[in-house]
Amino acid sequence: QIAQEDEEIRVPKYLIGYQSWDYHKGHYDPLTDVLTLGLHLASIAFGLDFRKKDDLELFVNNRKRLYFLNKKLHPTILNVIYEMTHLYREDRTVNLQEVITKLKNYLKKKSMMKR
């Protein structure tokens, strides 16, 4: 699921770096942004550098079980990352407003629990 360095992108694949296969195929829209931002969020959440093939492989191989990459993260955060980083556009979170809403709801519940 990871493209080689000079591979022509014919099917959805993860690319080294914080790039989207969509963009390389001529798609640039909110779904492209969702994937790119999801990769950045995942990189921060799991302490990985997706400019390194080994780090990207670790993420891709564990994408369906992100809990193992950082057991301290709340399931809401793990789910947001999972939904944002689907290779197939039709499976991805539709827009960033949906992501923001989920994160705000998570923060609201978290703050209510501290009271």
C-alpha atoms as a PDB file:
ATOM      1  CA  GLN A   1       0.000   0.000   0.000  1.00  0.00           C
ATOM      2  CA  ILE A   2       3.052   2.279  -0.055  1.00  0.00           C
ATOM      3  CA  ALA A   3       4.265   3.606  -3.385  1.00  0.00           C
ATOM      4  CA  GLN A   4       7.896   3.233  -4.351  1.00  0.00           C
ATOM      5  CA  GLU A   5       9.857   6.466  -4.877  1.00  0.00           C
ATOM      6  CA  ASP A   6       9.473   6.884  -8.646  1.00  0.00           C
ATOM      7  CA  GLU A   7       6.404   4.697  -9.083  1.00  0.00           C
ATOM      8  CA  GLU A   8       3.621   6.015 -11.287  1.00  0.00           C
ATOM      9  CA  ILE A   9       0.506   6.180  -9.121  1.00  0.00           C
ATOM     10  CA  ARG A  10      -2.245   4.091 -10.727  1.00  0.00           C
ATOM     11  CA  VAL A  11      -4.149   2.974  -7.630  1.00  0.00           C
ATOM     12  CA  PRO A  12      -4.534   4.541  -4.195  1.00  0.00           C
ATOM     13  CA  LYS A  13      -1.309   4.230  -2.201  1.00  0.00           C
ATOM     14  CA  TYR A  14       0.385   6.000   0.662  1.00  0.00           C
ATOM     15  CA  LEU A  15       3.324   8.141  -0.403  1.00  0.00           C
ATOM     16  CA  ILE A  16       6.547   8.839   1.443  1.00  0.00           C
ATOM     17  CA  GLY A  17       6.258  12.289   2.975  1.00  0.00           C
ATOM     18  CA  TYR A  18       3.042  14.040   3.815  1.00  0.00           C
ATOM     19  CA  GLN A  19       1.618  13.734   0.341  1.00  0.00           C
ATOM     20  CA  SER A  20      -1.684  12.497  -0.969  1.00  0.00           C
ATOM     21  CA  TRP A  21      -2.020  10.129  -3.896  1.00  0.00           C
ATOM     22  CA  ASP A  22      -5.158  12.111  -4.824  1.00  0.00           C
ATOM     23  CA  TYR A  23      -3.087  15.204  -5.527  1.00  0.00           C
ATOM     24  CA  HIS A  24      -0.715  13.251  -7.759  1.00  0.00           C
ATOM     25  CA  LYS A  25      -3.713  12.042  -9.771  1.00  0.00           C
ATOM     26  CA  GLY A  26      -5.048  15.570 -10.250  1.00  0.00           C
ATOM     27  CA  HIS A  27      -7.604  15.655  -7.424  1.00  0.00           C
ATOM     28  CA  TYR A  28      -7.355  18.608  -5.105  1.00  0.00           C
ATOM     29  CA  ASP A  29     -10.383  19.153  -2.937  1.00  0.00           C
ATOM     30  CA  PRO A  30     -11.418  18.935   0.735  1.00  0.00           C
ATOM     31  CA  LEU A  31     -10.978  15.137   0.709  1.00  0.00           C
ATOM     32  CA  THR A  32      -7.363  15.612  -0.347  1.00  0.00           C
ATOM     33  CA  ASP A  33      -6.888  18.024   2.545  1.00  0.00           C
ATOM     34  CA  VAL A  34      -8.468  15.557   4.980  1.00  0.00           C
ATOM     35  CA  LEU A  35      -5.943  12.844   4.070  1.00  0.00           C
ATOM     36  CA  THR A  36      -2.985  15.212   4.215  1.00  0.00           C
ATOM     37  CA  LEU A  37      -4.028  16.654   7.574  1.00  0.00           C
ATOM     38  CA  GLY A  38      -4.791  13.161   8.865  1.00  0.00           C
ATOM     39  CA  LEU A  39      -1.241  12.107   8.035  1.00  0.00           C
ATOM     40  CA  HIS A  40       0.129  15.107   9.921  1.00  0.00           C
ATOM     41  CA  LEU A  41      -2.116  14.390  12.900  1.00  0.00           C
ATOM     42  CA  ALA A  42      -1.040  10.737  12.905  1.00  0.00           C
ATOM     43  CA  SER A  43       2.609  11.731  12.720  1.00  0.00           C
ATOM     44  CA  ILE A  44       2.247  13.945  15.787  1.00  0.00           C
ATOM     45  CA  ALA A  45       0.057  11.512  17.734  1.00  0.00           C
ATOM     46  CA  PHE A  46       2.384   8.560  17.216  1.00  0.00           C
ATOM     47  CA  GLY A  47       5.755  10.317  17.067  1.00  0.00           C
ATOM     48  CA  LEU A  48       6.400   9.139  13.515  1.00  0.00           C
ATOM     49  CA  ASP A  49       8.094  10.893  10.618  1.00  0.00           C
ATOM     50  CA  PHE A  50       6.380   9.945   7.364  1.00  0.00           C
ATOM     51  CA  ARG A  51       9.360  11.188   5.378  1.00  0.00           C
ATOM     52  CA  LYS A  52      10.932   7.929   6.577  1.00  0.00           C
ATOM     53  CA  LYS A  53       9.661   4.804   4.854  1.00  0.00           C
ATOM     54  CA  ASP A  54       9.977   2.683   8.011  1.00  0.00           C
ATOM     55  CA  ASP A  55       7.780   5.075  10.008  1.00  0.00           C
ATOM     56  CA  LEU A  56       5.158   5.202   7.252  1.00  0.00           C
ATOM     57  CA  GLU A  57       5.192   1.400   7.010  1.00  0.00           C
ATOM     58  CA  LEU A  58       4.708   1.122  10.775  1.00  0.00           C
ATOM     59  CA  PHE A  59       1.673   3.390  10.569  1.00  0.00           C
ATOM     60  CA  VAL A  60       0.171   1.683   7.519  1.00  0.00           C
ATOM     61  CA  ASN A  61       0.681  -1.803   8.983  1.00  0.00           C
ATOM     62  CA  ASN A  62      -1.033  -0.746  12.224  1.00  0.00           C
ATOM     63  CA  ARG A  63      -3.681   1.584  10.844  1.00  0.00           C
ATOM     64  CA  LYS A  64      -6.526  -0.762  11.778  1.00  0.00           C
ATOM     65  CA  ARG A  65      -5.140  -1.089  15.311  1.00  0.00           C
ATOM     66  CA  LEU A  66      -3.776   2.367  16.054  1.00  0.00           C
ATOM     67  CA  TYR A  67      -4.097   1.740  19.769  1.00  0.00           C
ATOM     68  CA  PHE A  68      -0.831  -0.206  19.630  1.00  0.00           C
ATOM     69  CA  LEU A  69       1.045   2.842  18.340  1.00  0.00           C
ATOM     70  CA  ASN A  70       0.037   4.992  21.325  1.00  0.00           C
ATOM     71  CA  LYS A  71      -1.935   3.367  24.111  1.00  0.00           C
ATOM     72  CA  LYS A  72      -2.395   6.696  25.899  1.00  0.00           C
ATOM     73  CA  LEU A  73      -4.616   8.205  23.210  1.00  0.00           C
ATOM     74  CA  HIS A  74      -8.371   8.261  23.680  1.00  0.00           C
ATOM     75  CA  PRO A  75     -10.363   6.092  21.232  1.00  0.00           C
ATOM     76  CA  THR A  76     -12.019   9.217  19.806  1.00  0.00           C
ATOM     77  CA  ILE A  77      -8.639  10.557  18.654  1.00  0.00           C
ATOM     78  CA  LEU A  78      -7.635   7.169  17.251  1.00  0.00           C
ATOM     79  CA  ASN A  79     -10.917   6.947  15.354  1.00  0.00           C
ATOM     80  CA  VAL A  80     -10.557  10.453  13.911  1.00  0.00           C
ATOM     81  CA  ILE A  81      -7.068   9.585  12.623  1.00  0.00           C
ATOM     82  CA  TYR A  82      -8.305   6.285  11.203  1.00  0.00           C
ATOM     83  CA  GLU A  83     -11.204   7.946   9.384  1.00  0.00           C
ATOM     84  CA  MET A  84      -9.036  10.751   8.008  1.00  0.00           C
ATOM     85  CA  THR A  85      -6.356   8.451   6.595  1.00  0.00           C
ATOM     86  CA  HIS A  86      -8.380   6.040   4.480  1.00  0.00           C
ATOM     87  CA  LEU A  87      -6.727   5.632   1.105  1.00  0.00           C
ATOM     88  CA  TYR A  88     -10.021   5.446  -0.719  1.00  0.00           C
ATOM     89  CA  ARG A  89     -11.657   8.825  -0.972  1.00  0.00           C
ATOM     90  CA  GLU A  90     -15.185   7.466  -0.530  1.00  0.00           C
ATOM     91  CA  ASP A  91     -14.231   5.973   2.857  1.00  0.00           C
ATOM     92  CA  ARG A  92     -12.602   9.122   4.261  1.00  0.00           C
ATOM     93  CA  THR A  93     -14.164  11.635   6.593  1.00  0.00           C
ATOM     94  CA  VAL A  94     -16.114  13.930   4.310  1.00  0.00           C
ATOM     95  CA  ASN A  95     -14.784  17.272   5.504  1.00  0.00           C
ATOM     96  CA  LEU A  96     -12.788  19.011   8.185  1.00  0.00           C
ATOM     97  CA  GLN A  97     -15.907  20.367   9.878  1.00  0.00           C
ATOM     98  CA  GLU A  98     -16.844  16.785  10.756  1.00  0.00           C
ATOM     99  CA  VAL A  99     -13.389  16.272  12.297  1.00  0.00           C
ATOM    100  CA  ILE A 100     -13.633  19.529  14.243  1.00  0.00           C
ATOM    101  CA  THR A 101     -17.080  18.597  15.561  1.00  0.00           C
ATOM    102  CA  LYS A 102     -15.875  15.188  16.778  1.00  0.00           C
ATOM    103  CA  LEU A 103     -12.857  16.724  18.502  1.00  0.00           C
ATOM    104  CA  LYS A 104     -14.939  19.477  20.132  1.00  0.00           C
ATOM    105  CA  ASN A 105     -17.429  16.896  21.435  1.00  0.00           C
ATOM    106  CA  TYR A 106     -14.544  14.849  22.817  1.00  0.00           C
ATOM    107  CA  LEU A 107     -13.061  17.895  24.557  1.00  0.00           C
ATOM    108  CA  LYS A 108     -16.452  18.922  25.938  1.00  0.00           C
ATOM    109  CA  LYS A 109     -17.034  15.452  27.432  1.00  0.00           C
ATOM    110  CA  LYS A 110     -13.499  15.380  28.791  1.00  0.00           C
ATOM    111  CA  SER A 111     -13.905  18.753  30.511  1.00  0.00           C
ATOM    112  CA  MET A 112     -17.292  17.738  31.948  1.00  0.00           C
ATOM    113  CA  MET A 113     -15.744  14.611  33.466  1.00  0.00           C
ATOM    114  CA  LYS A 114     -13.124  16.706  35.309  1.00  0.00           C
ATOM    115  CA  ARG A 115     -15.789  18.718  37.136  1.00  0.00           C
END
